[in-house]
């Protein structure tokens, strides 16, 4: 049970990191996520079924997700369409593209296909429970991604990307093209989302064209939960707390499925729980800060 929560938290934590890049760093409301997540799953499933190496498949999935993000950025910047609508348009387009990739099937089973996770289970079997092998692999993979992202945000381009979200005018005044920077940032984000979708596909054993529904909402919930767990402005802790938030979010969803019957909740109510969580986070964030300031003022 616990290892399942941790694995799901790490797998979807990669997606939450991507949402963090667009929503928090770039200040760009990108709904492409709901389309690029199943895109990564579809690409990997088709490639694995064709006998392609798993790591090659994940790399192709990343490239496909990046292309989807780039399309959103181009629609937004070149056609002057609001970012929110641009993401919705790309997400809608991707639904048909995902069906095409999957051979006009709504889902693809990997039950009889050799995957990386199956290989890990076989290797780990003599030494530990198979789920622990996958958990160890995911912990190492997420740690590597976190290190790479943290190093990236310490580069000149990473710093510029962060500055674009808070002060676009400064980027323009420095002679840089904000449209290109935003395109690369959104492409990177959706590439990571597609990787998360590919890993989720292997873990669940199938790819489904509807697997991305509500993904961006889950990512936002993970980010907000993480913000309550750790308070910091350091990029290393900002990204790390996203992963912690993702794990806690998955734990809350598991608790809802496991014990929700006490208050007559069913699996159909999980989206309701997610929505209530986000509303609660927003309310606490808004009024909690005001309460803290009043408290400090009274103390002074």
C-alpha atoms as a PDB file:
ATOM      1  CA  UNK A   1       0.000   0.000   0.000  1.00  0.00           C
ATOM      2  CA  UNK A   2       2.615   2.533   1.118  1.00  0.00           C
ATOM      3  CA  UNK A   3       4.993   1.626  -1.704  1.00  0.00           C
ATOM      4  CA  UNK A   4       2.148   2.024  -4.206  1.00  0.00           C
ATOM      5  CA  UNK A   5       1.420   5.527  -2.891  1.00  0.00           C
ATOM      6  CA  UNK A   6       5.113   6.434  -3.063  1.00  0.00           C
ATOM      7  CA  UNK A   7       5.504   5.091  -6.611  1.00  0.00           C
ATOM      8  CA  UNK A   8       2.427   6.946  -7.859  1.00  0.00           C
ATOM      9  CA  UNK A   9       3.537  10.082  -6.032  1.00  0.00           C
ATOM     10  CA  UNK A  10       6.937   9.949  -7.750  1.00  0.00           C
ATOM     11  CA  UNK A  11       5.523   9.124 -11.199  1.00  0.00           C
ATOM     12  CA  UNK A  12       2.965  11.937 -11.069  1.00  0.00           C
ATOM     13  CA  UNK A  13       5.454  14.145  -9.246  1.00  0.00           C
ATOM     14  CA  UNK A  14       7.331  14.552 -12.543  1.00  0.00           C
ATOM     15  CA  UNK A  15       4.109  15.895 -14.052  1.00  0.00           C
ATOM     16  CA  UNK A  16       3.638  18.211 -11.058  1.00  0.00           C
ATOM     17  CA  UNK A  17       7.179  19.541 -11.580  1.00  0.00           C
ATOM     18  CA  UNK A  18       6.240  20.359 -15.162  1.00  0.00           C
ATOM     19  CA  UNK A  19       3.087  22.163 -14.019  1.00  0.00           C
ATOM     20  CA  UNK A  20       5.246  24.063 -11.512  1.00  0.00           C
ATOM     21  CA  UNK A  21       7.437  25.332 -14.385  1.00  0.00           C
ATOM     22  CA  UNK A  22       4.513  26.751 -16.354  1.00  0.00           C
ATOM     23  CA  UNK A  23       2.175  27.937 -13.592  1.00  0.00           C
ATOM     24  CA  UNK A  24       4.686  29.141 -10.999  1.00  0.00           C
ATOM     25  CA  UNK A  25       7.877  29.969 -12.917  1.00  0.00           C
ATOM     26  CA  UNK A  26       6.485  31.186 -16.255  1.00  0.00           C
ATOM     27  CA  UNK A  27       3.132  32.365 -14.838  1.00  0.00           C
ATOM     28  CA  UNK A  28       1.514  30.686 -17.858  1.00  0.00           C
ATOM     29  CA  UNK A  29      -1.790  28.830 -17.426  1.00  0.00           C
ATOM     30  CA  UNK A  30      -1.078  25.823 -19.632  1.00  0.00           C
ATOM     31  CA  UNK A  31      -3.824  23.231 -20.071  1.00  0.00           C
ATOM     32  CA  UNK A  32      -1.862  21.320 -22.715  1.00  0.00           C
ATOM     33  CA  UNK A  33      -0.927  18.992 -19.842  1.00  0.00           C
ATOM     34  CA  UNK A  34      -4.222  17.087 -20.111  1.00  0.00           C
ATOM     35  CA  UNK A  35      -3.298  16.202 -23.695  1.00  0.00           C
ATOM     36  CA  UNK A  36       0.476  15.741 -23.458  1.00  0.00           C
ATOM     37  CA  UNK A  37       0.166  13.253 -20.551  1.00  0.00           C
ATOM     38  CA  UNK A  38      -1.748  10.631 -22.598  1.00  0.00           C
ATOM     39  CA  UNK A  39       0.431  11.580 -25.592  1.00  0.00           C
ATOM     40  CA  UNK A  40       3.521  10.312 -23.745  1.00  0.00           C
ATOM     41  CA  UNK A  41       1.664   7.146 -22.736  1.00  0.00           C
ATOM     42  CA  UNK A  42       0.415   6.534 -26.285  1.00  0.00           C
ATOM     43  CA  UNK A  43       3.829   7.054 -27.891  1.00  0.00           C
ATOM     44  CA  UNK A  44       5.604   4.754 -25.442  1.00  0.00           C
ATOM     45  CA  UNK A  45       2.926   2.036 -25.627  1.00  0.00           C
ATOM     46  CA  UNK A  46       3.053   1.915 -29.429  1.00  0.00           C
ATOM     47  CA  UNK A  47       6.863   1.888 -29.490  1.00  0.00           C
ATOM     48  CA  UNK A  48       7.110  -0.824 -26.814  1.00  0.00           C
ATOM     49  CA  UNK A  49       4.588  -2.940 -28.695  1.00  0.00           C
ATOM     50  CA  UNK A  50       6.831  -2.550 -31.765  1.00  0.00           C
ATOM     51  CA  UNK A  51       9.877  -3.806 -29.853  1.00  0.00           C
ATOM     52  CA  UNK A  52      11.619  -0.452 -29.375  1.00  0.00           C
ATOM     53  CA  UNK A  53      13.920  -0.019 -26.337  1.00  0.00           C
ATOM     54  CA  UNK A  54      12.171   1.556 -23.338  1.00  0.00           C
ATOM     55  CA  UNK A  55      14.645   4.417 -22.912  1.00  0.00           C
ATOM     56  CA  UNK A  56      14.402   5.266 -26.610  1.00  0.00           C
ATOM     57  CA  UNK A  57      10.622   5.234 -26.249  1.00  0.00           C
ATOM     58  CA  UNK A  58      10.770   7.605 -23.266  1.00  0.00           C
ATOM     59  CA  UNK A  59      13.064   9.950 -25.216  1.00  0.00           C
ATOM     60  CA  UNK A  60      10.619   9.963 -28.154  1.00  0.00           C
ATOM     61  CA  UNK A  61       7.734  10.563 -25.734  1.00  0.00           C
ATOM     62  CA  UNK A  62       9.618  13.562 -24.299  1.00  0.00           C
ATOM     63  CA  UNK A  63      10.158  14.945 -27.814  1.00  0.00           C
ATOM     64  CA  UNK A  64       6.456  14.479 -28.663  1.00  0.00           C
ATOM     65  CA  UNK A  65       5.390  16.261 -25.470  1.00  0.00           C
ATOM     66  CA  UNK A  66       7.858  19.080 -26.134  1.00  0.00           C
ATOM     67  CA  UNK A  67       6.424  19.480 -29.642  1.00  0.00           C
ATOM     68  CA  UNK A  68       2.911  19.725 -28.162  1.00  0.00           C
ATOM     69  CA  UNK A  69       4.077  22.417 -25.724  1.00  0.00           C
ATOM     70  CA  UNK A  70       5.813  24.289 -28.530  1.00  0.00           C
ATOM     71  CA  UNK A  71       2.558  24.238 -30.532  1.00  0.00           C
ATOM     72  CA  UNK A  72       0.711  25.847 -27.614  1.00  0.00           C
ATOM     73  CA  UNK A  73       3.383  28.545 -27.317  1.00  0.00           C
ATOM     74  CA  UNK A  74       3.259  29.259 -31.063  1.00  0.00           C
ATOM     75  CA  UNK A  75      -0.554  29.510 -31.053  1.00  0.00           C
ATOM     76  CA  UNK A  76      -0.306  31.883 -28.095  1.00  0.00           C
ATOM     77  CA  UNK A  77       2.498  34.111 -29.376  1.00  0.00           C
ATOM     78  CA  UNK A  78       2.032  34.134 -33.143  1.00  0.00           C
ATOM     79  CA  UNK A  79      -1.764  34.041 -33.343  1.00  0.00           C
ATOM     80  CA  UNK A  80      -2.175  36.293 -30.267  1.00  0.00           C
ATOM     81  CA  UNK A  81      -4.531  33.809 -28.617  1.00  0.00           C
ATOM     82  CA  UNK A  82      -4.684  33.869 -24.778  1.00  0.00           C
ATOM     83  CA  UNK A  83      -2.497  31.209 -23.192  1.00  0.00           C
ATOM     84  CA  UNK A  84      -5.412  29.454 -21.474  1.00  0.00           C
ATOM     85  CA  UNK A  85      -7.321  29.086 -24.754  1.00  0.00           C
ATOM     86  CA  UNK A  86      -4.156  28.079 -26.645  1.00  0.00           C
ATOM     87  CA  UNK A  87      -3.647  25.213 -24.193  1.00  0.00           C
ATOM     88  CA  UNK A  88      -7.280  24.114 -24.550  1.00  0.00           C
ATOM     89  CA  UNK A  89      -6.954  24.134 -28.341  1.00  0.00           C
ATOM     90  CA  UNK A  90      -3.799  22.025 -28.284  1.00  0.00           C
ATOM     91  CA  UNK A  91      -5.342  19.647 -25.732  1.00  0.00           C
ATOM     92  CA  UNK A  92      -8.368  19.210 -28.012  1.00  0.00           C
ATOM     93  CA  UNK A  93      -6.155  18.602 -31.056  1.00  0.00           C
ATOM     94  CA  UNK A  94      -4.071  16.072 -29.126  1.00  0.00           C
ATOM     95  CA  UNK A  95      -7.117  13.928 -28.348  1.00  0.00           C
ATOM     96  CA  UNK A  96      -7.459  13.059 -32.030  1.00  0.00           C
ATOM     97  CA  UNK A  97      -3.694  12.792 -32.494  1.00  0.00           C
ATOM     98  CA  UNK A  98      -3.438  10.375 -29.567  1.00  0.00           C
ATOM     99  CA  UNK A  99      -6.169   8.204 -31.071  1.00  0.00           C
ATOM    100  CA  UNK A 100      -4.274   8.197 -34.376  1.00  0.00           C
ATOM    101  CA  UNK A 101      -1.035   7.203 -32.663  1.00  0.00           C
ATOM    102  CA  UNK A 102      -2.834   4.343 -30.899  1.00  0.00           C
ATOM    103  CA  UNK A 103      -4.294   3.070 -34.171  1.00  0.00           C
ATOM    104  CA  UNK A 104      -7.765   4.527 -33.534  1.00  0.00           C
ATOM    105  CA  UNK A 105      -8.047   2.523 -30.300  1.00  0.00           C
ATOM    106  CA  UNK A 106      -9.046   4.075 -26.993  1.00  0.00           C
ATOM    107  CA  UNK A 107      -6.441   2.060 -25.077  1.00  0.00           C
ATOM    108  CA  UNK A 108      -3.474  -0.254 -25.543  1.00  0.00           C
ATOM    109  CA  UNK A 109      -2.649  -3.028 -23.101  1.00  0.00           C
ATOM    110  CA  UNK A 110       0.974  -3.769 -22.191  1.00  0.00           C
ATOM    111  CA  UNK A 111       0.077  -7.038 -20.455  1.00  0.00           C
ATOM    112  CA  UNK A 112       1.987  -9.166 -22.977  1.00  0.00           C
ATOM    113  CA  UNK A 113       4.675  -6.559 -23.733  1.00  0.00           C
ATOM    114  CA  UNK A 114       8.079  -6.511 -22.045  1.00  0.00           C
ATOM    115  CA  UNK A 115       8.522  -3.220 -20.219  1.00  0.00           C
ATOM    116  CA  UNK A 116      11.240  -1.709 -18.052  1.00  0.00           C
ATOM    117  CA  UNK A 117       9.149  -2.128 -14.911  1.00  0.00           C
ATOM    118  CA  UNK A 118       8.636  -5.832 -15.627  1.00  0.00           C
ATOM    119  CA  UNK A 119      12.390  -6.240 -16.029  1.00  0.00           C
ATOM    120  CA  UNK A 120      13.000  -4.397 -12.751  1.00  0.00           C
ATOM    121  CA  UNK A 121      10.536  -6.710 -10.983  1.00  0.00           C
ATOM    122  CA  UNK A 122      12.376  -9.770 -12.299  1.00  0.00           C
ATOM    123  CA  UNK A 123      15.781  -8.400 -11.270  1.00  0.00           C
ATOM    124  CA  UNK A 124      14.557  -7.359  -7.818  1.00  0.00           C
ATOM    125  CA  UNK A 125      12.589 -10.575  -7.118  1.00  0.00           C
ATOM    126  CA  UNK A 126      15.476 -12.556  -5.504  1.00  0.00           C
ATOM    127  CA  UNK A 127      16.414  -9.659  -3.212  1.00  0.00           C
ATOM    128  CA  UNK A 128      13.265  -7.735  -2.339  1.00  0.00           C
ATOM    129  CA  UNK A 129       9.534  -7.444  -3.091  1.00  0.00           C
ATOM    130  CA  UNK A 130       9.067  -6.407  -6.727  1.00  0.00           C
ATOM    131  CA  UNK A 131       7.287  -3.146  -5.816  1.00  0.00           C
ATOM    132  CA  UNK A 132      10.345  -2.040  -3.842  1.00  0.00           C
ATOM    133  CA  UNK A 133      12.490  -2.459  -6.947  1.00  0.00           C
ATOM    134  CA  UNK A 134      10.228  -0.116  -8.911  1.00  0.00           C
ATOM    135  CA  UNK A 135      10.152   2.309  -5.981  1.00  0.00           C
ATOM    136  CA  UNK A 136      13.961   2.384  -5.847  1.00  0.00           C
ATOM    137  CA  UNK A 137      14.168   2.984  -9.595  1.00  0.00           C
ATOM    138  CA  UNK A 138      11.588   5.800  -9.458  1.00  0.00           C
ATOM    139  CA  UNK A 139      13.345   7.421  -6.487  1.00  0.00           C
ATOM    140  CA  UNK A 140      16.627   7.450  -8.411  1.00  0.00           C
ATOM    141  CA  UNK A 141      14.940   8.687 -11.609  1.00  0.00           C
ATOM    142  CA  UNK A 142      13.109  11.532  -9.836  1.00  0.00           C
ATOM    143  CA  UNK A 143      16.294  12.461  -7.924  1.00  0.00           C
ATOM    144  CA  UNK A 144      18.158  12.704 -11.247  1.00  0.00           C
ATOM    145  CA  UNK A 145      15.393  14.869 -12.748  1.00  0.00           C
ATOM    146  CA  UNK A 146      15.369  17.133  -9.677  1.00  0.00           C
ATOM    147  CA  UNK A 147      19.151  17.587  -9.852  1.00  0.00           C
ATOM    148  CA  UNK A 148      18.962  18.340 -13.584  1.00  0.00           C
ATOM    149  CA  UNK A 149      16.149  20.890 -13.117  1.00  0.00           C
ATOM    150  CA  UNK A 150      17.910  22.577 -10.196  1.00  0.00           C
ATOM    151  CA  UNK A 151      21.142  22.840 -12.189  1.00  0.00           C
ATOM    152  CA  UNK A 152      19.175  24.153 -15.169  1.00  0.00           C
ATOM    153  CA  UNK A 153      17.640  26.956 -13.094  1.00  0.00           C
ATOM    154  CA  UNK A 154      21.122  28.005 -11.998  1.00  0.00           C
ATOM    155  CA  UNK A 155      22.220  28.526 -15.605  1.00  0.00           C
ATOM    156  CA  UNK A 156      21.873  31.876 -17.381  1.00  0.00           C
ATOM    157  CA  UNK A 157      18.957  30.602 -19.451  1.00  0.00           C
ATOM    158  CA  UNK A 158      17.241  29.099 -16.400  1.00  0.00           C
ATOM    159  CA  UNK A 159      17.529  32.397 -14.526  1.00  0.00           C
ATOM    160  CA  UNK A 160      16.157  34.196 -17.589  1.00  0.00           C
ATOM    161  CA  UNK A 161      13.249  31.740 -17.726  1.00  0.00           C
ATOM    162  CA  UNK A 162      12.424  32.478 -14.095  1.00  0.00           C
ATOM    163  CA  UNK A 163      12.669  36.226 -14.678  1.00  0.00           C
ATOM    164  CA  UNK A 164      10.263  36.017 -17.627  1.00  0.00           C
ATOM    165  CA  UNK A 165       7.380  34.982 -15.389  1.00  0.00           C
ATOM    166  CA  UNK A 166       7.870  37.815 -12.892  1.00  0.00           C
ATOM    167  CA  UNK A 167       9.175  40.632 -15.114  1.00  0.00           C
ATOM    168  CA  UNK A 168       8.712  40.195 -18.896  1.00  0.00           C
ATOM    169  CA  UNK A 169       9.650  43.842 -19.549  1.00  0.00           C
ATOM    170  CA  UNK A 170      13.124  43.275 -18.135  1.00  0.00           C
ATOM    171  CA  UNK A 171      13.687  40.397 -20.570  1.00  0.00           C
ATOM    172  CA  UNK A 172      12.694  42.602 -23.497  1.00  0.00           C
ATOM    173  CA  UNK A 173      14.899  45.457 -22.282  1.00  0.00           C
ATOM    174  CA  UNK A 174      17.886  43.077 -22.249  1.00  0.00           C
ATOM    175  CA  UNK A 175      17.411  42.436 -25.967  1.00  0.00           C
ATOM    176  CA  UNK A 176      16.075  38.889 -25.571  1.00  0.00           C
ATOM    177  CA  UNK A 177      12.985  37.505 -27.282  1.00  0.00           C
ATOM    178  CA  UNK A 178      10.416  36.530 -24.610  1.00  0.00           C
ATOM    179  CA  UNK A 179       8.430  34.487 -27.123  1.00  0.00           C
ATOM    180  CA  UNK A 180      11.365  32.126 -27.771  1.00  0.00           C
ATOM    181  CA  UNK A 181      12.084  31.770 -24.059  1.00  0.00           C
ATOM    182  CA  UNK A 182       8.445  31.033 -23.284  1.00  0.00           C
ATOM    183  CA  UNK A 183       8.290  28.508 -26.136  1.00  0.00           C
ATOM    184  CA  UNK A 184      11.298  26.614 -24.781  1.00  0.00           C
ATOM    185  CA  UNK A 185       9.908  26.732 -21.230  1.00  0.00           C
ATOM    186  CA  UNK A 186       6.481  25.398 -22.226  1.00  0.00           C
ATOM    187  CA  UNK A 187       8.119  22.770 -24.454  1.00  0.00           C
ATOM    188  CA  UNK A 188      10.323  21.599 -21.556  1.00  0.00           C
ATOM    189  CA  UNK A 189       7.300  21.432 -19.257  1.00  0.00           C
ATOM    190  CA  UNK A 190       5.185  19.327 -21.604  1.00  0.00           C
ATOM    191  CA  UNK A 191       8.149  17.099 -22.423  1.00  0.00           C
ATOM    192  CA  UNK A 192       8.343  16.235 -18.707  1.00  0.00           C
ATOM    193  CA  UNK A 193       4.567  15.699 -18.625  1.00  0.00           C
ATOM    194  CA  UNK A 194       4.872  13.209 -21.485  1.00  0.00           C
ATOM    195  CA  UNK A 195       7.665  11.367 -19.620  1.00  0.00           C
ATOM    196  CA  UNK A 196       5.377  11.150 -16.589  1.00  0.00           C
ATOM    197  CA  UNK A 197       2.609   9.782 -18.818  1.00  0.00           C
ATOM    198  CA  UNK A 198       4.998   7.199 -20.279  1.00  0.00           C
ATOM    199  CA  UNK A 199       6.082   6.018 -16.816  1.00  0.00           C
ATOM    200  CA  UNK A 200       2.465   5.900 -15.611  1.00  0.00           C
ATOM    201  CA  UNK A 201       1.623   3.823 -18.679  1.00  0.00           C
ATOM    202  CA  UNK A 202       4.292   1.242 -17.786  1.00  0.00           C
ATOM    203  CA  UNK A 203       3.301   1.158 -14.135  1.00  0.00           C
ATOM    204  CA  UNK A 204      -0.422   0.727 -14.829  1.00  0.00           C
ATOM    205  CA  UNK A 205       0.144  -1.683 -17.721  1.00  0.00           C
ATOM    206  CA  UNK A 206      -1.874   0.197 -20.321  1.00  0.00           C
ATOM    207  CA  UNK A 207      -2.206   3.473 -22.199  1.00  0.00           C
ATOM    208  CA  UNK A 208      -5.597   5.165 -22.342  1.00  0.00           C
ATOM    209  CA  UNK A 209      -6.601   8.156 -24.415  1.00  0.00           C
ATOM    210  CA  UNK A 210      -8.589   9.566 -21.457  1.00  0.00           C
ATOM    211  CA  UNK A 211      -5.817   9.144 -18.870  1.00  0.00           C
ATOM    212  CA  UNK A 212      -4.980  12.855 -18.971  1.00  0.00           C
ATOM    213  CA  UNK A 213      -8.392  14.070 -17.760  1.00  0.00           C
ATOM    214  CA  UNK A 214      -7.870  16.240 -14.691  1.00  0.00           C
ATOM    215  CA  UNK A 215      -4.084  15.847 -14.781  1.00  0.00           C
ATOM    216  CA  UNK A 216      -3.366  19.570 -14.585  1.00  0.00           C
ATOM    217  CA  UNK A 217      -5.708  19.894 -11.599  1.00  0.00           C
ATOM    218  CA  UNK A 218      -3.853  17.084  -9.803  1.00  0.00           C
ATOM    219  CA  UNK A 219      -0.579  18.865 -10.580  1.00  0.00           C
ATOM    220  CA  UNK A 220      -1.847  22.139  -9.134  1.00  0.00           C
ATOM    221  CA  UNK A 221      -3.119  20.352  -6.021  1.00  0.00           C
ATOM    222  CA  UNK A 222       0.310  18.747  -5.543  1.00  0.00           C
ATOM    223  CA  UNK A 223       2.042  22.137  -5.885  1.00  0.00           C
ATOM    224  CA  UNK A 224      -0.256  23.823  -3.382  1.00  0.00           C
ATOM    225  CA  UNK A 225       0.000  21.001  -0.844  1.00  0.00           C
ATOM    226  CA  UNK A 226       3.787  21.150  -1.164  1.00  0.00           C
ATOM    227  CA  UNK A 227       3.734  24.882  -0.506  1.00  0.00           C
ATOM    228  CA  UNK A 228       2.171  24.217   2.895  1.00  0.00           C
ATOM    229  CA  UNK A 229       4.745  21.572   3.751  1.00  0.00           C
ATOM    230  CA  UNK A 230       7.832  23.715   3.145  1.00  0.00           C
ATOM    231  CA  UNK A 231       8.328  27.485   3.030  1.00  0.00           C
ATOM    232  CA  UNK A 232      11.341  28.552   0.992  1.00  0.00           C
ATOM    233  CA  UNK A 233      12.491  30.636  -1.969  1.00  0.00           C
ATOM    234  CA  UNK A 234      15.395  28.345  -2.862  1.00  0.00           C
ATOM    235  CA  UNK A 235      14.830  26.527  -6.147  1.00  0.00           C
ATOM    236  CA  UNK A 236      16.066  23.232  -4.717  1.00  0.00           C
ATOM    237  CA  UNK A 237      13.412  23.229  -1.997  1.00  0.00           C
ATOM    238  CA  UNK A 238      10.763  24.661  -4.332  1.00  0.00           C
ATOM    239  CA  UNK A 239      11.101  21.664  -6.648  1.00  0.00           C
ATOM    240  CA  UNK A 240      11.557  19.134  -3.838  1.00  0.00           C
ATOM    241  CA  UNK A 241       8.369  20.234  -2.104  1.00  0.00           C
ATOM    242  CA  UNK A 242       6.440  19.646  -5.336  1.00  0.00           C
ATOM    243  CA  UNK A 243       7.414  15.971  -5.131  1.00  0.00           C
ATOM    244  CA  UNK A 244       6.429  15.845  -1.461  1.00  0.00           C
ATOM    245  CA  UNK A 245       3.106  17.459  -2.344  1.00  0.00           C
ATOM    246  CA  UNK A 246       2.517  14.885  -5.065  1.00  0.00           C
ATOM    247  CA  UNK A 247       3.130  11.999  -2.653  1.00  0.00           C
ATOM    248  CA  UNK A 248       0.810  13.503  -0.032  1.00  0.00           C
ATOM    249  CA  UNK A 249      -1.849  14.162  -2.686  1.00  0.00           C
ATOM    250  CA  UNK A 250      -1.726  10.512  -3.763  1.00  0.00           C
ATOM    251  CA  UNK A 251      -1.955   9.476  -0.101  1.00  0.00           C
ATOM    252  CA  UNK A 252      -5.062  11.634   0.320  1.00  0.00           C
ATOM    253  CA  UNK A 253      -6.615  10.121  -2.803  1.00  0.00           C
ATOM    254  CA  UNK A 254      -5.851   6.641  -1.493  1.00  0.00           C
ATOM    255  CA  UNK A 255      -7.433   7.532   1.843  1.00  0.00           C
ATOM    256  CA  UNK A 256     -10.502   8.781  -0.012  1.00  0.00           C
ATOM    257  CA  UNK A 257     -10.799   5.492  -1.909  1.00  0.00           C
ATOM    258  CA  UNK A 258     -10.059   3.345   1.142  1.00  0.00           C
ATOM    259  CA  UNK A 259     -12.122   5.025   3.848  1.00  0.00           C
ATOM    260  CA  UNK A 260     -14.414   7.350   1.925  1.00  0.00           C
ATOM    261  CA  UNK A 261     -17.293   4.903   2.400  1.00  0.00           C
ATOM    262  CA  UNK A 262     -17.575   6.196   5.983  1.00  0.00           C
ATOM    263  CA  UNK A 263     -18.983   9.477   4.627  1.00  0.00           C
ATOM    264  CA  UNK A 264     -20.527   7.741   1.612  1.00  0.00           C
ATOM    265  CA  UNK A 265     -17.822   8.720  -0.879  1.00  0.00           C
ATOM    266  CA  UNK A 266     -17.119   6.531  -3.912  1.00  0.00           C
ATOM    267  CA  UNK A 267     -14.411   6.434  -6.591  1.00  0.00           C
ATOM    268  CA  UNK A 268     -16.609   8.789  -8.616  1.00  0.00           C
ATOM    269  CA  UNK A 269     -16.054  11.470  -5.959  1.00  0.00           C
ATOM    270  CA  UNK A 270     -12.254  11.658  -6.287  1.00  0.00           C
ATOM    271  CA  UNK A 271     -12.459  14.703  -8.584  1.00  0.00           C
ATOM    272  CA  UNK A 272     -14.710  16.326  -5.998  1.00  0.00           C
ATOM    273  CA  UNK A 273     -12.062  15.695  -3.323  1.00  0.00           C
ATOM    274  CA  UNK A 274      -9.387  17.216  -5.582  1.00  0.00           C
ATOM    275  CA  UNK A 275     -11.475  20.322  -6.224  1.00  0.00           C
ATOM    276  CA  UNK A 276     -12.213  20.793  -2.525  1.00  0.00           C
ATOM    277  CA  UNK A 277      -8.499  20.372  -1.715  1.00  0.00           C
ATOM    278  CA  UNK A 278      -7.498  23.102  -4.172  1.00  0.00           C
ATOM    279  CA  UNK A 279     -10.213  25.469  -2.932  1.00  0.00           C
ATOM    280  CA  UNK A 280      -9.092  24.866   0.659  1.00  0.00           C
ATOM    281  CA  UNK A 281      -5.458  25.526  -0.280  1.00  0.00           C
ATOM    282  CA  UNK A 282      -6.379  28.776  -2.015  1.00  0.00           C
ATOM    283  CA  UNK A 283      -8.534  29.979   0.882  1.00  0.00           C
ATOM    284  CA  UNK A 284      -5.917  29.111   3.516  1.00  0.00           C
ATOM    285  CA  UNK A 285      -3.210  30.729   1.400  1.00  0.00           C
ATOM    286  CA  UNK A 286      -5.224  33.922   1.007  1.00  0.00           C
ATOM    287  CA  UNK A 287      -6.542  34.355   4.534  1.00  0.00           C
ATOM    288  CA  UNK A 288      -3.690  32.606   6.332  1.00  0.00           C
ATOM    289  CA  UNK A 289      -1.199  35.258   5.197  1.00  0.00           C
ATOM    290  CA  UNK A 290      -3.537  38.026   6.335  1.00  0.00           C
ATOM    291  CA  UNK A 291      -3.889  36.390   9.746  1.00  0.00           C
ATOM    292  CA  UNK A 292      -0.114  36.064  10.076  1.00  0.00           C
ATOM    293  CA  UNK A 293       0.423  39.745   9.217  1.00  0.00           C
ATOM    294  CA  UNK A 294      -2.200  40.848  11.751  1.00  0.00           C
ATOM    295  CA  UNK A 295      -0.588  38.655  14.382  1.00  0.00           C
ATOM    296  CA  UNK A 296       2.830  40.181  13.709  1.00  0.00           C
ATOM    297  CA  UNK A 297       1.353  43.688  13.820  1.00  0.00           C
ATOM    298  CA  UNK A 298      -0.294  42.985  17.156  1.00  0.00           C
ATOM    299  CA  UNK A 299       2.961  41.624  18.547  1.00  0.00           C
ATOM    300  CA  UNK A 300       4.814  44.767  17.458  1.00  0.00           C
END
